């Protein structure tokens, strides 16, 4: 049996947008709790005729979401909030021009999302303990790649 290992420290998330003043937002820690890629569309549908004959449909489209959970006091949260605030007042054409690249250098997986836009500002609780907030990005295209 082959043993495998995983560490988030082997992962990097890069958010790029033309409105960023300097470089892209690079998340390699800085309070990141987790990141999740979720595809929105089923790739297969099966229709059953009255006589029981199945018709299988292959469905195109690669839309989905990327959710990045960060600590509410982290530098990562501040960077994402700053980008959101810039886009909120920018022209409409800028709204979905972001891209997100996620890669794990050990297991060889990566995701490239384009046509990325913020879903909304995350919910934030004011309570006795700090929590994580979830930034959800709507993505027009997500490619699942191997390195």
Protein backbone atom coordinates (compact mmCIF):
# COMPACT_ATOMS: atom_id res chain seq x y z
CA UNK A 1 0.00 0.00 0.00
CA UNK A 2 1.33 3.41 -0.98
CA UNK A 3 1.19 6.14 1.65
CA UNK A 4 0.33 9.70 0.67
CA UNK A 5 0.48 12.93 2.60
CA UNK A 6 -1.17 16.32 2.33
CA UNK A 7 -0.43 19.76 3.72
CA UNK A 8 -2.15 23.07 2.99
CA UNK A 9 1.36 24.55 3.20
CA UNK A 10 1.97 22.96 -0.22
CA UNK A 11 -0.91 24.95 -1.69
CA UNK A 12 -1.06 28.43 -3.12
CA UNK A 13 -4.08 30.52 -4.13
CA UNK A 14 -3.61 33.50 -6.44
CA UNK A 15 -6.36 36.02 -7.16
CA UNK A 16 -5.63 38.38 -10.04
CA UNK A 17 -7.60 41.38 -11.28
CA UNK A 18 -6.64 44.34 -13.48
CA UNK A 19 -7.68 46.80 -10.71
CA UNK A 20 -5.10 45.49 -8.24
CA UNK A 21 -2.55 48.27 -7.79
CA UNK A 22 0.56 46.13 -7.54
CA UNK A 23 0.61 42.37 -7.73
CA UNK A 24 -2.06 39.73 -7.42
CA UNK A 25 -3.37 38.60 -4.04
CA UNK A 26 -1.35 35.54 -3.04
CA UNK A 27 -2.77 33.40 -0.25
CA UNK A 28 -0.40 30.82 1.20
CA UNK A 29 -1.51 31.12 4.77
CA UNK A 30 -2.19 34.50 6.38
CA UNK A 31 -5.26 33.20 8.21
CA UNK A 32 -6.64 30.98 5.46
CA UNK A 33 -8.69 28.15 6.96
CA UNK A 34 -9.64 26.29 3.80
CA UNK A 35 -10.53 26.69 0.16
CA UNK A 36 -13.18 24.74 -1.72
CA UNK A 37 -13.90 24.41 -5.43
CA UNK A 38 -17.48 23.41 -6.23
CA UNK A 39 -18.82 22.77 -9.71
CA UNK A 40 -22.45 23.89 -10.20
CA UNK A 41 -23.57 21.75 -13.11
CA UNK A 42 -24.09 18.01 -13.28
CA UNK A 43 -22.27 16.69 -16.33
CA UNK A 44 -24.83 13.98 -17.10
CA UNK A 45 -28.61 13.79 -17.30
CA UNK A 46 -30.63 10.72 -18.17
CA UNK A 47 -34.13 10.90 -19.60
CA UNK A 48 -36.29 7.80 -19.46
CA UNK A 49 -38.86 7.30 -22.22
CA UNK A 50 -42.28 5.73 -21.63
CA UNK A 51 -40.93 2.41 -22.92
CA UNK A 52 -38.00 2.56 -20.45
CA UNK A 53 -35.34 3.48 -23.01
CA UNK A 54 -32.71 5.77 -21.49
CA UNK A 55 -31.28 8.77 -23.27
CA UNK A 56 -27.99 9.99 -21.75
CA UNK A 57 -27.06 13.65 -22.23
CA UNK A 58 -23.54 15.00 -21.78
CA UNK A 59 -23.90 18.53 -20.40
CA UNK A 60 -21.41 21.24 -21.27
CA UNK A 61 -20.38 24.07 -18.99
CA UNK A 62 -17.81 24.53 -16.28
CA UNK A 63 -19.44 27.12 -13.99
CA UNK A 64 -19.00 26.89 -10.25
CA UNK A 65 -17.84 28.58 -7.09
CA UNK A 66 -14.63 28.97 -5.16
CA UNK A 67 -15.04 29.50 -1.42
CA UNK A 68 -12.13 30.74 0.65
CA UNK A 69 -12.54 30.72 4.43
CA UNK A 70 -10.27 33.15 6.30
CA UNK A 71 -9.99 34.39 9.85
CA UNK A 72 -12.00 37.60 10.27
CA UNK A 73 -8.95 39.54 11.54
CA UNK A 74 -6.45 38.20 8.98
CA UNK A 75 -4.44 40.02 6.34
CA UNK A 76 -6.13 37.78 3.76
CA UNK A 77 -9.60 39.04 4.77
CA UNK A 78 -8.42 42.64 4.56
CA UNK A 79 -6.95 42.09 1.07
CA UNK A 80 -10.18 40.51 -0.20
CA UNK A 81 -12.32 43.24 1.38
CA UNK A 82 -10.16 45.93 -0.24
CA UNK A 83 -10.56 44.31 -3.67
CA UNK A 84 -14.33 43.97 -3.16
CA UNK A 85 -14.61 47.66 -2.21
CA UNK A 86 -12.63 48.71 -5.31
CA UNK A 87 -14.84 46.64 -7.56
CA UNK A 88 -18.04 47.88 -5.92
CA UNK A 89 -17.35 51.43 -7.15
CA UNK A 90 -15.62 50.49 -10.42
CA UNK A 91 -17.36 50.33 -13.79
CA UNK A 92 -19.53 47.29 -14.43
CA UNK A 93 -17.16 45.84 -17.04
CA UNK A 94 -14.58 45.30 -14.29
CA UNK A 95 -16.87 43.22 -12.06
CA UNK A 96 -16.11 39.72 -13.42
CA UNK A 97 -12.56 40.21 -14.70
CA UNK A 98 -10.85 38.38 -11.84
CA UNK A 99 -9.19 34.99 -12.06
CA UNK A 100 -8.27 32.51 -9.35
CA UNK A 101 -5.52 29.93 -9.64
CA UNK A 102 -5.24 27.25 -6.97
CA UNK A 103 -2.43 24.73 -6.95
CA UNK A 104 -1.05 22.02 -4.70
CA UNK A 105 2.54 21.35 -5.73
CA UNK A 106 2.77 17.96 -3.99
CA UNK A 107 -0.30 16.17 -5.32
CA UNK A 108 -0.09 17.87 -8.73
CA UNK A 109 -3.62 19.27 -8.80
CA UNK A 110 -4.66 22.75 -9.83
CA UNK A 111 -7.76 24.73 -10.68
CA UNK A 112 -7.97 27.81 -12.86
CA UNK A 113 -11.14 29.90 -12.57
CA UNK A 114 -11.92 32.78 -14.92
CA UNK A 115 -14.82 35.19 -15.16
CA UNK A 116 -14.66 35.43 -11.37
CA UNK A 117 -16.87 37.79 -9.36
CA UNK A 118 -17.63 38.19 -5.67
CA UNK A 119 -20.96 36.66 -4.63
CA UNK A 120 -21.27 39.08 -1.67
CA UNK A 121 -19.40 40.33 1.35
CA UNK A 122 -19.19 37.47 3.83
CA UNK A 123 -21.39 37.37 6.91
CA UNK A 124 -19.49 38.46 10.00
CA UNK A 125 -20.43 37.75 13.57
CA UNK A 126 -19.58 39.94 16.51
CA UNK A 127 -19.23 37.52 19.40
CA UNK A 128 -16.92 36.47 22.22
CA UNK A 129 -14.59 34.47 19.95
CA UNK A 130 -13.21 35.38 16.55
CA UNK A 131 -14.36 33.20 13.67
CA UNK A 132 -13.68 32.55 10.04
CA UNK A 133 -15.56 34.32 7.27
CA UNK A 134 -16.38 32.74 3.91
CA UNK A 135 -15.61 34.60 0.71
CA UNK A 136 -17.61 33.02 -2.12
CA UNK A 137 -16.63 33.72 -5.72
CA UNK A 138 -18.92 32.94 -8.67
CA UNK A 139 -16.89 31.58 -11.59
CA UNK A 140 -17.90 31.48 -15.26
CA UNK A 141 -15.34 28.76 -16.02
CA UNK A 142 -13.36 26.42 -13.76
CA UNK A 143 -10.79 24.07 -15.23
CA UNK A 144 -9.61 21.09 -13.17
CA UNK A 145 -6.02 20.38 -14.17
CA UNK A 146 -3.14 18.17 -13.18
CA UNK A 147 0.40 19.47 -13.26
